[in-house]
PDB file of all heavy atoms in Angstrom:
ATOM      1  N   GLN A   1       0.791  -1.205   0.100  1.00  0.00           N
ATOM      2  CA  GLN A   1       0.035   0.044   0.021  1.00  0.00           C
ATOM      3  C   GLN A   1       0.895   1.175  -0.013  1.00  0.00           C
ATOM      4  O   GLN A   1       0.547   2.229  -0.681  1.00  0.00           O
ATOM      5  CB  GLN A   1      -0.996   0.021   1.237  1.00  0.00           C
ATOM      6  CG  GLN A   1      -1.981  -1.114   1.205  1.00  0.00           C
ATOM      7  CD  GLN A   1      -3.054  -0.875   0.110  1.00  0.00           C
ATOM      8  OE1 GLN A   1      -3.560   0.183  -0.075  1.00  0.00           O
ATOM      9  NE2 GLN A   1      -3.350  -1.932  -0.625  1.00  0.00           N
ATOM     10  N   ARG A   2       1.957   1.300   0.758  1.00  0.00           N
ATOM     11  CA  ARG A   2       2.792   2.413   0.810  1.00  0.00           C
ATOM     12  C   ARG A   2       3.521   2.655  -0.501  1.00  0.00           C
ATOM     13  O   ARG A   2       3.802   3.806  -0.912  1.00  0.00           O
ATOM     14  CB  ARG A   2       3.787   2.213   1.889  1.00  0.00           C
ATOM     15  CG  ARG A   2       3.324   2.352   3.261  1.00  0.00           C
ATOM     16  CD  ARG A   2       4.461   2.437   4.367  1.00  0.00           C
ATOM     17  NE  ARG A   2       5.332   1.296   4.388  1.00  0.00           N
ATOM     18  CZ  ARG A   2       5.139   0.310   5.170  1.00  0.00           C
ATOM     19  NH1 ARG A   2       4.148   0.211   5.927  1.00  0.00           N
ATOM     20  NH2 ARG A   2       6.057  -0.708   5.014  1.00  0.00           N
ATOM     21  N   SER A   3       3.668   1.492  -1.250  1.00  0.00           N
ATOM     22  CA  SER A   3       4.293   1.795  -2.651  1.00  0.00           C
ATOM     23  C   SER A   3       3.288   1.873  -3.725  1.00  0.00           C
ATOM     24  O   SER A   3       3.605   1.736  -4.926  1.00  0.00           O
ATOM     25  CB  SER A   3       5.165   0.446  -3.004  1.00  0.00           C
ATOM     26  OG  SER A   3       6.220   0.255  -1.972  1.00  0.00           O
ATOM     27  N   HIS A   4       1.986   2.039  -3.421  1.00  0.00           N
ATOM     28  CA  HIS A   4       0.880   2.150  -4.239  1.00  0.00           C
ATOM     29  C   HIS A   4       0.674   0.985  -5.304  1.00  0.00           C
ATOM     30  O   HIS A   4       0.380   1.148  -6.412  1.00  0.00           O
ATOM     31  CB  HIS A   4       1.067   3.507  -5.172  1.00  0.00           C
ATOM     32  CG  HIS A   4       1.189   4.683  -4.342  1.00  0.00           C
ATOM     33  ND1 HIS A   4       0.196   5.315  -3.527  1.00  0.00           N
ATOM     34  CD2 HIS A   4       2.358   5.448  -4.079  1.00  0.00           C
ATOM     35  CE1 HIS A   4       0.672   6.384  -2.936  1.00  0.00           C
ATOM     36  NE2 HIS A   4       1.966   6.434  -3.256  1.00  0.00           N
ATOM     37  N   LEU A   5       0.922  -0.194  -4.643  1.00  0.00           N
ATOM     38  CA  LEU A   5       0.794  -1.397  -5.430  1.00  0.00           C
ATOM     39  C   LEU A   5      -0.461  -2.192  -4.689  1.00  0.00           C
ATOM     40  O   LEU A   5      -0.654  -2.109  -3.635  1.00  0.00           O
ATOM     41  CB  LEU A   5       2.011  -2.308  -5.271  1.00  0.00           C
ATOM     42  CG  LEU A   5       3.282  -1.684  -5.957  1.00  0.00           C
ATOM     43  CD1 LEU A   5       4.515  -2.531  -5.717  1.00  0.00           C
ATOM     44  CD2 LEU A   5       3.013  -1.627  -7.418  1.00  0.00           C
ATOM     45  N   ARG A   6      -1.117  -3.008  -5.608  1.00  0.00           N
ATOM     46  CA  ARG A   6      -2.250  -3.693  -5.171  1.00  0.00           C
ATOM     47  C   ARG A   6      -1.890  -5.219  -4.802  1.00  0.00           C
ATOM     48  O   ARG A   6      -1.023  -5.714  -5.588  1.00  0.00           O
ATOM     49  CB  ARG A   6      -3.393  -3.740  -6.120  1.00  0.00           C
ATOM     50  CG  ARG A   6      -3.829  -2.318  -6.503  1.00  0.00           C
ATOM     51  CD  ARG A   6      -4.878  -2.434  -7.703  1.00  0.00           C
ATOM     52  NE  ARG A   6      -5.937  -3.494  -7.489  1.00  0.00           N
ATOM     53  CZ  ARG A   6      -6.417  -4.084  -8.490  1.00  0.00           C
ATOM     54  NH1 ARG A   6      -5.988  -3.923  -9.806  1.00  0.00           N
ATOM     55  NH2 ARG A   6      -7.309  -5.082  -8.266  1.00  0.00           N
ATOM     56  N   PHE A   7      -2.491  -5.615  -3.760  1.00  0.00           N
ATOM     57  CA  PHE A   7      -2.485  -7.196  -3.510  1.00  0.00           C
ATOM     58  C   PHE A   7      -3.507  -7.758  -4.392  1.00  0.00           C
ATOM     59  O   PHE A   7      -4.639  -7.986  -4.038  1.00  0.00           O
ATOM     60  CB  PHE A   7      -2.696  -7.451  -2.070  1.00  0.00           C
ATOM     61  CG  PHE A   7      -2.326  -8.781  -1.633  1.00  0.00           C
ATOM     62  CD1 PHE A   7      -1.100  -9.140  -1.065  1.00  0.00           C
ATOM     63  CD2 PHE A   7      -3.319  -9.910  -1.745  1.00  0.00           C
ATOM     64  CE1 PHE A   7      -0.783 -10.487  -0.716  1.00  0.00           C
ATOM     65  CE2 PHE A   7      -3.110 -11.131  -1.362  1.00  0.00           C
ATOM     66  CZ  PHE A   7      -1.691 -11.489  -0.925  1.00  0.00           C
ATOM     67  N   ASP A   8      -3.070  -8.313  -5.611  1.00  0.00           N
ATOM     68  CA  ASP A   8      -4.032  -8.660  -6.728  1.00  0.00           C
ATOM     69  C   ASP A   8      -3.795 -10.037  -7.199  1.00  0.00           C
ATOM     70  O   ASP A   8      -4.166 -10.297  -8.421  1.00  0.00           O
ATOM     71  CB  ASP A   8      -3.819  -7.664  -7.867  1.00  0.00           C
ATOM     72  CG  ASP A   8      -2.356  -7.609  -8.454  1.00  0.00           C
ATOM     73  OD1 ASP A   8      -1.479  -8.192  -7.807  1.00  0.00           O
ATOM     74  OD2 ASP A   8      -2.158  -6.879  -9.488  1.00  0.00           O
ATOM     75  N   LEU A   9      -3.319 -10.865  -6.383  1.00  0.00           N
ATOM     76  CA  LEU A   9      -2.999 -12.227  -6.807  1.00  0.00           C
ATOM     77  C   LEU A   9      -4.309 -13.073  -6.992  1.00  0.00           C
ATOM     78  O   LEU A   9      -5.077 -13.394  -6.002  1.00  0.00           O
ATOM     79  CB  LEU A   9      -2.124 -12.957  -5.835  1.00  0.00           C
ATOM     80  CG  LEU A   9      -1.591 -14.341  -6.413  1.00  0.00           C
ATOM     81  CD1 LEU A   9      -0.685 -14.132  -7.653  1.00  0.00           C
ATOM     82  CD2 LEU A   9      -0.838 -15.050  -5.402  1.00  0.00           C
ATOM     83  N   HIS A  10      -4.648 -13.480  -8.259  1.00  0.00           N
ATOM     84  CA  HIS A  10      -5.764 -14.382  -8.606  1.00  0.00           C
ATOM     85  C   HIS A  10      -5.072 -15.710  -8.971  1.00  0.00           C
ATOM     86  O   HIS A  10      -4.015 -15.747  -9.525  1.00  0.00           O
ATOM     87  CB  HIS A  10      -6.611 -13.788  -9.681  1.00  0.00           C
ATOM     88  CG  HIS A  10      -7.448 -12.631  -9.286  1.00  0.00           C
ATOM     89  ND1 HIS A  10      -6.927 -11.448  -9.179  1.00  0.00           N
ATOM     90  CD2 HIS A  10      -8.748 -12.507  -9.179  1.00  0.00           C
ATOM     91  CE1 HIS A  10      -7.821 -10.521  -8.848  1.00  0.00           C
ATOM     92  NE2 HIS A  10      -8.927 -11.162  -8.854  1.00  0.00           N
ATOM     93  N   ALA A  11      -5.885 -16.862  -8.806  1.00  0.00           N
ATOM     94  CA  ALA A  11      -5.251 -18.085  -9.108  1.00  0.00           C
ATOM     95  C   ALA A  11      -6.365 -19.024  -9.708  1.00  0.00           C
ATOM     96  O   ALA A  11      -7.557 -18.940  -9.195  1.00  0.00           O
ATOM     97  CB  ALA A  11      -4.582 -18.766  -7.904  1.00  0.00           C
ATOM     98  N   LEU A  12      -6.041 -19.842 -10.658  1.00  0.00           N
ATOM     99  CA  LEU A  12      -6.895 -20.848 -11.232  1.00  0.00           C
ATOM    100  C   LEU A  12      -6.164 -22.273 -10.719  1.00  0.00           C
ATOM    101  O   LEU A  12      -4.955 -22.404 -11.106  1.00  0.00           O
ATOM    102  CB  LEU A  12      -7.006 -20.809 -12.662  1.00  0.00           C
ATOM    103  CG  LEU A  12      -7.750 -19.753 -13.188  1.00  0.00           C
ATOM    104  CD1 LEU A  12      -7.657 -19.624 -14.708  1.00  0.00           C
ATOM    105  CD2 LEU A  12      -9.338 -19.871 -12.908  1.00  0.00           C
ATOM    106  N   ILE A  13      -6.865 -22.996 -10.078  1.00  0.00           N
ATOM    107  CA  ILE A  13      -6.315 -24.212  -9.447  1.00  0.00           C
ATOM    108  C   ILE A  13      -7.139 -25.433  -9.891  1.00  0.00           C
ATOM    109  O   ILE A  13      -8.347 -25.494  -9.749  1.00  0.00           O
ATOM    110  CB  ILE A  13      -6.159 -24.135  -7.926  1.00  0.00           C
ATOM    111  CG1 ILE A  13      -5.342 -23.010  -7.401  1.00  0.00           C
ATOM    112  CG2 ILE A  13      -5.596 -25.519  -7.379  1.00  0.00           C
ATOM    113  CD1 ILE A  13      -5.336 -22.839  -5.939  1.00  0.00           C
ATOM    114  N   GLY A  14      -6.374 -26.475 -10.691  1.00  0.00           N
ATOM    115  CA  GLY A  14      -7.169 -27.667 -11.127  1.00  0.00           C
ATOM    116  C   GLY A  14      -6.509 -28.836 -10.900  1.00  0.00           C
ATOM    117  O   GLY A  14      -5.190 -28.958 -10.738  1.00  0.00           O
ATOM    118  N   GLY A  15      -7.211 -29.842 -11.001  1.00  0.00           N
ATOM    119  CA  GLY A  15      -6.626 -31.246 -10.862  1.00  0.00           C
ATOM    120  C   GLY A  15      -7.725 -32.179 -10.454  1.00  0.00           C
ATOM    121  O   GLY A  15      -8.973 -31.935 -10.372  1.00  0.00           O
ATOM    122  N   GLN A  16      -7.342 -33.321  -9.808  1.00  0.00           N
ATOM    123  CA  GLN A  16      -8.163 -34.431  -9.305  1.00  0.00           C
ATOM    124  C   GLN A  16      -7.510 -35.226  -8.326  1.00  0.00           C
ATOM    125  O   GLN A  16      -6.529 -35.794  -8.569  1.00  0.00           O
ATOM    126  CB  GLN A  16      -8.757 -35.229 -10.382  1.00  0.00           C
ATOM    127  CG  GLN A  16      -9.764 -36.328 -10.090  1.00  0.00           C
ATOM    128  CD  GLN A  16     -10.282 -37.042 -11.313  1.00  0.00           C
ATOM    129  OE1 GLN A  16      -9.633 -37.019 -12.365  1.00  0.00           O
ATOM    130  NE2 GLN A  16     -11.385 -37.824 -11.158  1.00  0.00           N
ATOM    131  N   LEU A  17      -8.110 -35.285  -7.054  1.00  0.00           N
ATOM    132  CA  LEU A  17      -7.560 -36.253  -6.069  1.00  0.00           C
ATOM    133  C   LEU A  17      -8.542 -37.512  -5.839  1.00  0.00           C
ATOM    134  O   LEU A  17      -9.443 -37.670  -6.683  1.00  0.00           O
ATOM    135  CB  LEU A  17      -7.517 -35.354  -4.735  1.00  0.00           C
ATOM    136  CG  LEU A  17      -6.613 -34.104  -4.780  1.00  0.00           C
ATOM    137  CD1 LEU A  17      -6.366 -33.590  -3.309  1.00  0.00           C
ATOM    138  CD2 LEU A  17      -5.269 -34.383  -5.332  1.00  0.00           C
ATOM    139  N   ASP A  18      -8.179 -38.265  -4.906  1.00  0.00           N
ATOM    140  CA  ASP A  18      -8.813 -39.681  -4.917  1.00  0.00           C
ATOM    141  C   ASP A  18     -10.359 -39.529  -4.903  1.00  0.00           C
ATOM    142  O   ASP A  18     -11.008 -40.414  -5.591  1.00  0.00           O
ATOM    143  CB  ASP A  18      -8.340 -40.372  -3.664  1.00  0.00           C
ATOM    144  CG  ASP A  18      -6.842 -40.880  -3.776  1.00  0.00           C
ATOM    145  OD1 ASP A  18      -6.402 -40.931  -4.972  1.00  0.00           O
ATOM    146  OD2 ASP A  18      -6.102 -40.841  -2.799  1.00  0.00           O
ATOM    147  N   GLU A  19     -10.943 -38.690  -4.077  1.00  0.00           N
ATOM    148  CA  GLU A  19     -12.327 -38.725  -3.966  1.00  0.00           C
ATOM    149  C   GLU A  19     -13.095 -37.701  -4.799  1.00  0.00           C
ATOM    150  O   GLU A  19     -14.312 -37.490  -4.799  1.00  0.00           O
ATOM    151  CB  GLU A  19     -12.689 -38.458  -2.540  1.00  0.00           C
ATOM    152  CG  GLU A  19     -12.346 -39.515  -1.639  1.00  0.00           C
ATOM    153  CD  GLU A  19     -12.854 -39.360  -0.148  1.00  0.00           C
ATOM    154  OE1 GLU A  19     -13.620 -38.508   0.157  1.00  0.00           O
ATOM    155  OE2 GLU A  19     -12.181 -40.081   0.714  1.00  0.00           O
ATOM    156  N   ASP A  20     -12.330 -37.051  -5.751  1.00  0.00           N
ATOM    157  CA  ASP A  20     -13.009 -36.111  -6.721  1.00  0.00           C
ATOM    158  C   ASP A  20     -13.563 -37.031  -7.791  1.00  0.00           C
ATOM    159  O   ASP A  20     -12.923 -37.823  -8.444  1.00  0.00           O
ATOM    160  CB  ASP A  20     -11.984 -35.124  -7.349  1.00  0.00           C
ATOM    161  CG  ASP A  20     -11.535 -34.074  -6.385  1.00  0.00           C
ATOM    162  OD1 ASP A  20     -12.471 -33.489  -5.609  1.00  0.00           O
ATOM    163  OD2 ASP A  20     -10.366 -33.749  -6.332  1.00  0.00           O
ATOM    164  N   GLU A  21     -14.971 -36.848  -8.094  1.00  0.00           N
ATOM    165  CA  GLU A  21     -15.473 -37.689  -9.067  1.00  0.00           C
ATOM    166  C   GLU A  21     -15.073 -37.472 -10.423  1.00  0.00           C
ATOM    167  O   GLU A  21     -14.902 -38.289 -11.418  1.00  0.00           O
ATOM    168  CB  GLU A  21     -16.902 -37.535  -9.152  1.00  0.00           C
ATOM    169  CG  GLU A  21     -17.583 -37.930  -7.694  1.00  0.00           C
ATOM    170  CD  GLU A  21     -19.083 -37.836  -7.819  1.00  0.00           C
ATOM    171  OE1 GLU A  21     -19.658 -37.403  -8.768  1.00  0.00           O
ATOM    172  OE2 GLU A  21     -19.781 -38.182  -6.706  1.00  0.00           O
ATOM    173  N   ALA A  22     -14.547 -36.206 -10.846  1.00  0.00           N
ATOM    174  CA  ALA A  22     -14.046 -35.801 -12.169  1.00  0.00           C
ATOM    175  C   ALA A  22     -12.968 -34.707 -11.817  1.00  0.00           C
ATOM    176  O   ALA A  22     -12.894 -34.060 -10.783  1.00  0.00           O
ATOM    177  CB  ALA A  22     -15.229 -35.304 -12.887  1.00  0.00           C
ATOM    178  N   PRO A  23     -12.177 -34.396 -12.842  1.00  0.00           N
ATOM    179  CA  PRO A  23     -11.237 -33.247 -12.818  1.00  0.00           C
ATOM    180  C   PRO A  23     -12.087 -32.020 -12.417  1.00  0.00           C
ATOM    181  O   PRO A  23     -13.103 -31.818 -12.900  1.00  0.00           O
ATOM    182  CB  PRO A  23     -10.547 -33.273 -14.019  1.00  0.00           C
ATOM    183  CG  PRO A  23     -10.715 -34.543 -14.619  1.00  0.00           C
ATOM    184  CD  PRO A  23     -12.014 -35.127 -14.157  1.00  0.00           C
ATOM    185  N   CYS A  24     -11.513 -31.197 -11.519  1.00  0.00           N
ATOM    186  CA  CYS A  24     -12.284 -29.934 -11.177  1.00  0.00           C
ATOM    187  C   CYS A  24     -11.257 -28.834 -11.218  1.00  0.00           C
ATOM    188  O   CYS A  24     -10.012 -28.931 -11.240  1.00  0.00           O
ATOM    189  CB  CYS A  24     -12.852 -30.165  -9.786  1.00  0.00           C
ATOM    190  SG  CYS A  24     -11.723 -30.854  -8.493  1.00  0.00           S
ATOM    191  N   MET A  25     -11.836 -27.569 -11.095  1.00  0.00           N
ATOM    192  CA  MET A  25     -10.951 -26.353 -11.193  1.00  0.00           C
ATOM    193  C   MET A  25     -11.656 -25.290 -10.298  1.00  0.00           C
ATOM    194  O   MET A  25     -12.929 -25.164 -10.286  1.00  0.00           O
ATOM    195  CB  MET A  25     -10.835 -25.917 -12.609  1.00  0.00           C
ATOM    196  CG  MET A  25      -9.837 -24.761 -12.679  1.00  0.00           C
ATOM    197  SD  MET A  25      -9.232 -24.341 -14.485  1.00  0.00           S
ATOM    198  CE  MET A  25      -8.234 -25.820 -14.776  1.00  0.00           C
ATOM    199  N   TYR A  26     -10.873 -24.406  -9.773  1.00  0.00           N
ATOM    200  CA  TYR A  26     -11.462 -23.423  -8.825  1.00  0.00           C
ATOM    201  C   TYR A  26     -10.617 -21.991  -9.259  1.00  0.00           C
ATOM    202  O   TYR A  26      -9.466 -22.022  -9.582  1.00  0.00           O
ATOM    203  CB  TYR A  26     -11.088 -23.615  -7.362  1.00  0.00           C
ATOM    204  CG  TYR A  26     -11.814 -24.945  -6.855  1.00  0.00           C
ATOM    205  CD1 TYR A  26     -11.188 -26.187  -7.027  1.00  0.00           C
ATOM    206  CD2 TYR A  26     -13.027 -24.922  -6.279  1.00  0.00           C
ATOM    207  CE1 TYR A  26     -11.896 -27.319  -6.618  1.00  0.00           C
ATOM    208  CE2 TYR A  26     -13.636 -26.063  -5.843  1.00  0.00           C
ATOM    209  CZ  TYR A  26     -12.973 -27.307  -5.977  1.00  0.00           C
ATOM    210  OH  TYR A  26     -13.689 -28.432  -5.598  1.00  0.00           O
ATOM    211  N   LEU A  27     -11.522 -21.055  -9.088  1.00  0.00           N
ATOM    212  CA  LEU A  27     -10.920 -19.724  -9.146  1.00  0.00           C
ATOM    213  C   LEU A  27     -10.794 -19.157  -7.685  1.00  0.00           C
ATOM    214  O   LEU A  27     -11.786 -19.041  -6.950  1.00  0.00           O
ATOM    215  CB  LEU A  27     -11.735 -18.697  -9.949  1.00  0.00           C
ATOM    216  CG  LEU A  27     -11.499 -17.189  -9.988  1.00  0.00           C
ATOM    217  CD1 LEU A  27     -10.022 -16.895 -10.376  1.00  0.00           C
ATOM    218  CD2 LEU A  27     -12.555 -16.443 -10.776  1.00  0.00           C
ATOM    219  N   VAL A  28      -9.569 -18.743  -7.339  1.00  0.00           N
ATOM    220  CA  VAL A  28      -9.289 -18.212  -6.004  1.00  0.00           C
ATOM    221  C   VAL A  28      -8.920 -16.743  -6.082  1.00  0.00           C
ATOM    222  O   VAL A  28      -8.125 -16.274  -6.753  1.00  0.00           O
ATOM    223  CB  VAL A  28      -8.103 -18.921  -5.221  1.00  0.00           C
ATOM    224  CG1 VAL A  28      -8.003 -18.432  -3.817  1.00  0.00           C
ATOM    225  CG2 VAL A  28      -8.411 -20.500  -5.321  1.00  0.00           C
ATOM    226  N   TYR A  29      -9.736 -16.016  -5.320  1.00  0.00           N
ATOM    227  CA  TYR A  29      -9.453 -14.453  -5.248  1.00  0.00           C
ATOM    228  C   TYR A  29      -8.509 -14.090  -4.326  1.00  0.00           C
ATOM    229  O   TYR A  29      -8.045 -14.756  -3.469  1.00  0.00           O
ATOM    230  CB  TYR A  29     -10.808 -13.822  -4.933  1.00  0.00           C
ATOM    231  CG  TYR A  29     -11.916 -13.956  -5.973  1.00  0.00           C
ATOM    232  CD1 TYR A  29     -12.941 -15.017  -5.853  1.00  0.00           C
ATOM    233  CD2 TYR A  29     -11.989 -13.260  -7.140  1.00  0.00           C
ATOM    234  CE1 TYR A  29     -13.933 -15.288  -6.708  1.00  0.00           C
ATOM    235  CE2 TYR A  29     -12.963 -13.533  -8.083  1.00  0.00           C
ATOM    236  CZ  TYR A  29     -13.931 -14.485  -7.876  1.00  0.00           C
ATOM    237  OH  TYR A  29     -14.894 -14.633  -8.775  1.00  0.00           O
ATOM    238  N   PRO A  30      -8.020 -12.828  -4.425  1.00  0.00           N
ATOM    239  CA  PRO A  30      -6.868 -12.282  -3.496  1.00  0.00           C
ATOM    240  C   PRO A  30      -7.263 -12.320  -2.104  1.00  0.00           C
ATOM    241  O   PRO A  30      -6.422 -12.563  -1.189  1.00  0.00           O
ATOM    242  CB  PRO A  30      -6.641 -10.909  -4.012  1.00  0.00           C
ATOM    243  CG  PRO A  30      -7.020 -10.814  -5.346  1.00  0.00           C
ATOM    244  CD  PRO A  30      -8.224 -11.791  -5.533  1.00  0.00           C
ATOM    245  N   GLU A  31      -8.590 -12.305  -1.725  1.00  0.00           N
ATOM    246  CA  GLU A  31      -8.997 -12.302  -0.360  1.00  0.00           C
ATOM    247  C   GLU A  31      -9.021 -13.672   0.199  1.00  0.00           C
ATOM    248  O   GLU A  31      -9.253 -13.929   1.415  1.00  0.00           O
ATOM    249  CB  GLU A  31     -10.456 -11.791  -0.297  1.00  0.00           C
ATOM    250  CG  GLU A  31     -10.496 -10.259  -0.665  1.00  0.00           C
ATOM    251  CD  GLU A  31     -10.475 -10.049  -2.190  1.00  0.00           C
ATOM    252  OE1 GLU A  31     -10.647 -11.063  -2.910  1.00  0.00           O
ATOM    253  OE2 GLU A  31     -10.321  -8.932  -2.541  1.00  0.00           O
ATOM    254  N   GLY A  32      -8.795 -14.844  -0.638  1.00  0.00           N
ATOM    255  CA  GLY A  32      -8.838 -16.158  -0.239  1.00  0.00           C
ATOM    256  C   GLY A  32     -10.182 -16.809  -0.492  1.00  0.00           C
ATOM    257  O   GLY A  32     -10.144 -18.139  -0.139  1.00  0.00           O
ATOM    258  N   ASN A  33     -11.131 -16.235  -0.797  1.00  0.00           N
ATOM    259  CA  ASN A  33     -12.438 -16.952  -1.159  1.00  0.00           C
ATOM    260  C   ASN A  33     -12.364 -17.499  -2.516  1.00  0.00           C
ATOM    261  O   ASN A  33     -11.516 -17.026  -3.291  1.00  0.00           O
ATOM    262  CB  ASN A  33     -13.662 -16.045  -0.949  1.00  0.00           C
ATOM    263  CG  ASN A  33     -13.452 -14.674  -1.788  1.00  0.00           C
ATOM    264  OD1 ASN A  33     -12.433 -14.181  -2.081  1.00  0.00           O
ATOM    265  ND2 ASN A  33     -14.579 -14.184  -2.274  1.00  0.00           N
ATOM    266  N   TRP A  34     -13.183 -18.465  -2.855  1.00  0.00           N
ATOM    267  CA  TRP A  34     -13.053 -19.195  -4.086  1.00  0.00           C
ATOM    268  C   TRP A  34     -14.439 -19.636  -4.730  1.00  0.00           C
ATOM    269  O   TRP A  34     -15.305 -19.610  -3.928  1.00  0.00           O
ATOM    270  CB  TRP A  34     -12.230 -20.373  -4.063  1.00  0.00           C
ATOM    271  CG  TRP A  34     -12.424 -21.329  -2.876  1.00  0.00           C
ATOM    272  CD1 TRP A  34     -11.781 -21.319  -1.793  1.00  0.00           C
ATOM    273  CD2 TRP A  34     -13.396 -22.439  -2.913  1.00  0.00           C
ATOM    274  NE1 TRP A  34     -12.194 -22.358  -0.936  1.00  0.00           N
ATOM    275  CE2 TRP A  34     -13.269 -22.997  -1.534  1.00  0.00           C
ATOM    276  CE3 TRP A  34     -14.390 -22.829  -3.722  1.00  0.00           C
ATOM    277  CZ2 TRP A  34     -14.170 -24.016  -1.197  1.00  0.00           C
ATOM    278  CZ3 TRP A  34     -15.147 -23.951  -3.333  1.00  0.00           C
ATOM    279  CH2 TRP A  34     -15.039 -24.469  -2.079  1.00  0.00           C
TER     280      TRP A  34
END
């Protein structure tokens, strides 16, 4: 904030673990909600 920069990290996270019925993907916002 002091450098006039934004905490703006967005992420797309995808894959499939053992109990996922199918491959899945999530959008995660900078606040941590998805």
